[in-house]
C-alpha atoms as a PDB file:
ATOM      1  CA  UNK A   1      34.095  37.735  -5.683  1.00  0.00           C
ATOM      2  CA  UNK A   2      35.507  40.682  -3.810  1.00  0.00           C
ATOM      3  CA  UNK A   3      38.649  39.834  -1.840  1.00  0.00           C
ATOM      4  CA  UNK A   4      38.526  41.336   1.651  1.00  0.00           C
ATOM      5  CA  UNK A   5      41.193  43.915   2.194  1.00  0.00           C
ATOM      6  CA  UNK A   6      41.903  45.352   5.587  1.00  0.00           C
ATOM      7  CA  UNK A   7      44.368  48.012   6.599  1.00  0.00           C
ATOM      8  CA  UNK A   8      47.746  47.852   4.832  1.00  0.00           C
ATOM      9  CA  UNK A   9      50.392  46.551   7.248  1.00  0.00           C
ATOM     10  CA  UNK A  10      53.542  46.380   5.138  1.00  0.00           C
ATOM     11  CA  UNK A  11      55.605  45.057   2.246  1.00  0.00           C
ATOM     12  CA  UNK A  12      58.041  42.170   2.702  1.00  0.00           C
ATOM     13  CA  UNK A  13      60.727  40.122   1.019  1.00  0.00           C
ATOM     14  CA  UNK A  14      62.111  36.675   1.803  1.00  0.00           C
ATOM     15  CA  UNK A  15      65.260  35.339   0.139  1.00  0.00           C
ATOM     16  CA  UNK A  16      66.651  31.823  -0.156  1.00  0.00           C
ATOM     17  CA  UNK A  17      70.233  32.300  -1.329  1.00  0.00           C
ATOM     18  CA  UNK A  18      71.725  29.536  -3.459  1.00  0.00           C
ATOM     19  CA  UNK A  19      70.589  26.106  -2.277  1.00  0.00           C
ATOM     20  CA  UNK A  20      70.190  22.604  -3.727  1.00  0.00           C
ATOM     21  CA  UNK A  21      66.533  22.396  -4.745  1.00  0.00           C
ATOM     22  CA  UNK A  22      64.533  19.330  -3.751  1.00  0.00           C
ATOM     23  CA  UNK A  23      64.918  16.641  -6.421  1.00  0.00           C
ATOM     24  CA  UNK A  24      62.119  15.635  -8.757  1.00  0.00           C
ATOM     25  CA  UNK A  25      58.824  17.480  -9.075  1.00  0.00           C
ATOM     26  CA  UNK A  26      58.271  18.233  -5.386  1.00  0.00           C
ATOM     27  CA  UNK A  27      58.021  21.688  -3.848  1.00  0.00           C
ATOM     28  CA  UNK A  28      61.418  23.366  -3.483  1.00  0.00           C
ATOM     29  CA  UNK A  29      60.272  26.756  -2.129  1.00  0.00           C
ATOM     30  CA  UNK A  30      57.079  27.900  -0.420  1.00  0.00           C
ATOM     31  CA  UNK A  31      55.465  31.041   0.976  1.00  0.00           C
ATOM     32  CA  UNK A  32      52.811  30.232   3.573  1.00  0.00           C
ATOM     33  CA  UNK A  33      50.099  32.688   4.593  1.00  0.00           C
ATOM     34  CA  UNK A  34      49.503  34.096   8.067  1.00  0.00           C
ATOM     35  CA  UNK A  35      46.841  33.687  10.718  1.00  0.00           C
ATOM     36  CA  UNK A  36      44.575  36.741  10.967  1.00  0.00           C
ATOM     37  CA  UNK A  37      46.253  38.507   8.024  1.00  0.00           C
ATOM     38  CA  UNK A  38      45.666  38.746   4.307  1.00  0.00           C
ATOM     39  CA  UNK A  39      48.794  38.061   2.239  1.00  0.00           C
ATOM     40  CA  UNK A  40      48.963  39.234  -1.381  1.00  0.00           C
ATOM     41  CA  UNK A  41      51.898  37.743  -3.287  1.00  0.00           C
ATOM     42  CA  UNK A  42      53.351  40.409  -5.585  1.00  0.00           C
ATOM     43  CA  UNK A  43      56.315  38.701  -7.230  1.00  0.00           C
ATOM     44  CA  UNK A  44      58.525  35.611  -7.218  1.00  0.00           C
ATOM     45  CA  UNK A  45      62.064  35.559  -8.639  1.00  0.00           C
ATOM     46  CA  UNK A  46      63.981  32.348  -9.283  1.00  0.00           C
ATOM     47  CA  UNK A  47      67.587  32.788 -10.366  1.00  0.00           C
ATOM     48  CA  UNK A  48      70.909  30.972 -10.630  1.00  0.00           C
ATOM     49  CA  UNK A  49      69.338  27.822 -12.116  1.00  0.00           C
ATOM     50  CA  UNK A  50      72.434  25.631 -12.468  1.00  0.00           C
ATOM     51  CA  UNK A  51      72.607  21.901 -13.240  1.00  0.00           C
ATOM     52  CA  UNK A  52      75.459  19.444 -13.840  1.00  0.00           C
ATOM     53  CA  UNK A  53      74.592  19.639 -17.538  1.00  0.00           C
ATOM     54  CA  UNK A  54      72.642  22.191 -19.587  1.00  0.00           C
ATOM     55  CA  UNK A  55      68.915  21.475 -19.731  1.00  0.00           C
ATOM     56  CA  UNK A  56      65.455  22.982 -19.936  1.00  0.00           C
ATOM     57  CA  UNK A  57      63.589  23.569 -16.669  1.00  0.00           C
ATOM     58  CA  UNK A  58      59.879  24.314 -16.394  1.00  0.00           C
ATOM     59  CA  UNK A  59      59.282  26.145 -13.110  1.00  0.00           C
ATOM     60  CA  UNK A  60      55.666  26.132 -11.890  1.00  0.00           C
ATOM     61  CA  UNK A  61      54.103  28.238  -9.118  1.00  0.00           C
ATOM     62  CA  UNK A  62      51.071  26.540  -7.541  1.00  0.00           C
ATOM     63  CA  UNK A  63      48.579  27.749  -4.972  1.00  0.00           C
ATOM     64  CA  UNK A  64      47.761  25.340  -2.123  1.00  0.00           C
ATOM     65  CA  UNK A  65      44.697  25.374   0.127  1.00  0.00           C
ATOM     66  CA  UNK A  66      46.297  23.231   2.849  1.00  0.00           C
ATOM     67  CA  UNK A  67      49.748  23.216   4.425  1.00  0.00           C
ATOM     68  CA  UNK A  68      52.713  21.141   3.257  1.00  0.00           C
ATOM     69  CA  UNK A  69      54.111  18.631   5.749  1.00  0.00           C
ATOM     70  CA  UNK A  70      57.521  17.052   6.247  1.00  0.00           C
ATOM     71  CA  UNK A  71      60.473  17.553   3.951  1.00  0.00           C
ATOM     72  CA  UNK A  72      63.780  19.176   4.837  1.00  0.00           C
ATOM     73  CA  UNK A  73      63.090  22.885   5.117  1.00  0.00           C
ATOM     74  CA  UNK A  74      65.163  25.943   5.876  1.00  0.00           C
ATOM     75  CA  UNK A  75      63.302  28.997   7.153  1.00  0.00           C
ATOM     76  CA  UNK A  76      63.837  32.229   5.241  1.00  0.00           C
ATOM     77  CA  UNK A  77      64.291  35.626   6.829  1.00  0.00           C
ATOM     78  CA  UNK A  78      61.110  37.607   6.209  1.00  0.00           C
ATOM     79  CA  UNK A  79      62.354  41.175   5.865  1.00  0.00           C
ATOM     80  CA  UNK A  80      60.061  44.209   6.249  1.00  0.00           C
ATOM     81  CA  UNK A  81      60.929  46.637   3.427  1.00  0.00           C
ATOM     82  CA  UNK A  82      60.561  49.603   5.820  1.00  0.00           C
ATOM     83  CA  UNK A  83      61.511  49.914   9.476  1.00  0.00           C
ATOM     84  CA  UNK A  84      57.975  51.265  10.002  1.00  0.00           C
ATOM     85  CA  UNK A  85      56.423  47.878   9.128  1.00  0.00           C
ATOM     86  CA  UNK A  86      55.787  45.194  11.775  1.00  0.00           C
ATOM     87  CA  UNK A  87      57.332  41.719  11.567  1.00  0.00           C
ATOM     88  CA  UNK A  88      55.909  39.603   8.760  1.00  0.00           C
ATOM     89  CA  UNK A  89      53.184  37.070   9.386  1.00  0.00           C
ATOM     90  CA  UNK A  90      53.811  35.013   6.233  1.00  0.00           C
ATOM     91  CA  UNK A  91      56.558  32.369   6.364  1.00  0.00           C
ATOM     92  CA  UNK A  92      59.017  31.517   3.588  1.00  0.00           C
ATOM     93  CA  UNK A  93      60.781  28.155   3.298  1.00  0.00           C
ATOM     94  CA  UNK A  94      63.262  26.483   0.966  1.00  0.00           C
ATOM     95  CA  UNK A  95      63.392  22.696   0.665  1.00  0.00           C
ATOM     96  CA  UNK A  96      66.344  20.417  -0.081  1.00  0.00           C
ATOM     97  CA  UNK A  97      64.043  17.383   0.346  1.00  0.00           C
ATOM     98  CA  UNK A  98      60.493  17.963  -0.818  1.00  0.00           C
ATOM     99  CA  UNK A  99      57.584  18.034   1.634  1.00  0.00           C
ATOM    100  CA  UNK A 100      54.296  16.307   1.071  1.00  0.00           C
ATOM    101  CA  UNK A 101      52.522  19.099  -0.752  1.00  0.00           C
ATOM    102  CA  UNK A 102      49.219  20.456   0.493  1.00  0.00           C
ATOM    103  CA  UNK A 103      46.054  20.296  -1.600  1.00  0.00           C
ATOM    104  CA  UNK A 104      46.800  22.032  -4.901  1.00  0.00           C
ATOM    105  CA  UNK A 105      44.268  24.621  -6.018  1.00  0.00           C
ATOM    106  CA  UNK A 106      46.129  25.009  -9.309  1.00  0.00           C
ATOM    107  CA  UNK A 107      49.030  26.595 -11.137  1.00  0.00           C
ATOM    108  CA  UNK A 108      49.201  30.397 -11.008  1.00  0.00           C
ATOM    109  CA  UNK A 109      52.292  30.754 -13.223  1.00  0.00           C
ATOM    110  CA  UNK A 110      54.826  28.715 -15.197  1.00  0.00           C
ATOM    111  CA  UNK A 111      57.912  29.420 -17.264  1.00  0.00           C
ATOM    112  CA  UNK A 112      60.442  27.287 -19.144  1.00  0.00           C
ATOM    113  CA  UNK A 113      64.086  28.387 -19.104  1.00  0.00           C
ATOM    114  CA  UNK A 114      67.468  26.944 -20.013  1.00  0.00           C
ATOM    115  CA  UNK A 115      69.337  25.866 -16.883  1.00  0.00           C
ATOM    116  CA  UNK A 116      73.078  26.295 -17.233  1.00  0.00           C
ATOM    117  CA  UNK A 117      75.988  23.913 -16.726  1.00  0.00           C
ATOM    118  CA  UNK A 118      77.853  24.221 -13.418  1.00  0.00           C
ATOM    119  CA  UNK A 119      81.241  24.212 -15.177  1.00  0.00           C
ATOM    120  CA  UNK A 120      82.343  27.826 -15.379  1.00  0.00           C
ATOM    121  CA  UNK A 121      84.002  27.427 -18.795  1.00  0.00           C
ATOM    122  CA  UNK A 122      80.895  25.831 -20.311  1.00  0.00           C
ATOM    123  CA  UNK A 123      78.216  27.958 -18.785  1.00  0.00           C
ATOM    124  CA  UNK A 124      76.366  31.000 -19.982  1.00  0.00           C
ATOM    125  CA  UNK A 125      74.505  33.326 -17.695  1.00  0.00           C
ATOM    126  CA  UNK A 126      71.865  31.384 -15.774  1.00  0.00           C
ATOM    127  CA  UNK A 127      68.323  32.373 -16.682  1.00  0.00           C
ATOM    128  CA  UNK A 128      66.012  34.174 -14.282  1.00  0.00           C
ATOM    129  CA  UNK A 129      62.354  33.261 -13.845  1.00  0.00           C
ATOM    130  CA  UNK A 130      60.221  36.174 -12.713  1.00  0.00           C
ATOM    131  CA  UNK A 131      56.538  35.850 -11.946  1.00  0.00           C
ATOM    132  CA  UNK A 132      55.114  39.371 -11.559  1.00  0.00           C
ATOM    133  CA  UNK A 133      51.529  39.095 -10.338  1.00  0.00           C
ATOM    134  CA  UNK A 134      50.695  42.830 -10.608  1.00  0.00           C
ATOM    135  CA  UNK A 135      46.919  43.138 -10.723  1.00  0.00           C
ATOM    136  CA  UNK A 136      46.284  39.406 -10.318  1.00  0.00           C
ATOM    137  CA  UNK A 137      47.995  38.571  -7.033  1.00  0.00           C
ATOM    138  CA  UNK A 138      47.437  35.178  -5.429  1.00  0.00           C
ATOM    139  CA  UNK A 139      45.777  35.895  -2.073  1.00  0.00           C
ATOM    140  CA  UNK A 140      46.445  33.807   1.041  1.00  0.00           C
ATOM    141  CA  UNK A 141      43.718  34.138   3.673  1.00  0.00           C
ATOM    142  CA  UNK A 142      45.105  31.786   6.333  1.00  0.00           C
ATOM    143  CA  UNK A 143      48.305  30.240   7.671  1.00  0.00           C
ATOM    144  CA  UNK A 144      47.603  26.917   5.953  1.00  0.00           C
ATOM    145  CA  UNK A 145      47.388  28.384   2.439  1.00  0.00           C
ATOM    146  CA  UNK A 146      50.533  28.835   0.384  1.00  0.00           C
ATOM    147  CA  UNK A 147      52.186  29.313  -2.979  1.00  0.00           C
ATOM    148  CA  UNK A 148      54.956  26.870  -3.799  1.00  0.00           C
ATOM    149  CA  UNK A 149      57.515  26.392  -6.539  1.00  0.00           C
ATOM    150  CA  UNK A 150      58.291  23.056  -8.209  1.00  0.00           C
ATOM    151  CA  UNK A 151      59.611  21.717 -11.497  1.00  0.00           C
ATOM    152  CA  UNK A 152      56.907  20.450 -13.893  1.00  0.00           C
ATOM    153  CA  UNK A 153      59.189  17.573 -14.931  1.00  0.00           C
ATOM    154  CA  UNK A 154      62.042  16.119 -12.905  1.00  0.00           C
ATOM    155  CA  UNK A 155      65.356  17.723 -13.902  1.00  0.00           C
ATOM    156  CA  UNK A 156      67.970  15.312 -15.270  1.00  0.00           C
ATOM    157  CA  UNK A 157      70.482  16.399 -12.616  1.00  0.00           C
ATOM    158  CA  UNK A 158      70.572  18.212  -9.289  1.00  0.00           C
ATOM    159  CA  UNK A 159      69.652  21.905  -9.499  1.00  0.00           C
ATOM    160  CA  UNK A 160      70.961  24.807  -7.425  1.00  0.00           C
ATOM    161  CA  UNK A 161      68.779  27.866  -7.294  1.00  0.00           C
ATOM    162  CA  UNK A 162      68.034  31.134  -5.468  1.00  0.00           C
ATOM    163  CA  UNK A 163      64.460  32.215  -4.713  1.00  0.00           C
ATOM    164  CA  UNK A 164      62.916  35.543  -3.671  1.00  0.00           C
ATOM    165  CA  UNK A 165      59.305  36.153  -2.593  1.00  0.00           C
ATOM    166  CA  UNK A 166      57.780  39.676  -2.452  1.00  0.00           C
ATOM    167  CA  UNK A 167      54.388  40.292  -0.793  1.00  0.00           C
ATOM    168  CA  UNK A 168      52.121  42.744   1.031  1.00  0.00           C
ATOM    169  CA  UNK A 169      50.174  42.083   4.224  1.00  0.00           C
ATOM    170  CA  UNK A 170      46.838  43.517   5.321  1.00  0.00           C
ATOM    171  CA  UNK A 171      44.855  43.224   8.541  1.00  0.00           C
ATOM    172  CA  UNK A 172      42.070  40.680   8.391  1.00  0.00           C
END
């Protein structure tokens, strides 16, 4: 199937600086599409994965065909990467309490990393998860579609994390 691609509108980034990720296996970060625009997700970076004790974390990126509802969300600043680009249509969110996830289409990426201990003397450098979708970008065709991040298994302790989304937008 050929994905429709209109006129290129711009490249964007949204950043959630260090926050306490929603507990359990619920969505802790989400990029939602835009009405009347095509959103192609280029990359997701997850860094600063810190727990109260060292442990493995399996971070999963899932595509959703319907919008998430509820939860405790903080809006991210969607930053055009050039002053020539218009304001972004896509919306980034971080969650400290998970929303009710939309209808999952499926996982588009997953990675297991070692989360580090929060005690400075005991910790190593926190791992970074990077999902680079070059050539196989998840495409969001409406405002109710999204790509969200969650843990595949509930972490043993609270997790702090930073998240970055990178995407391009096209006219529809």
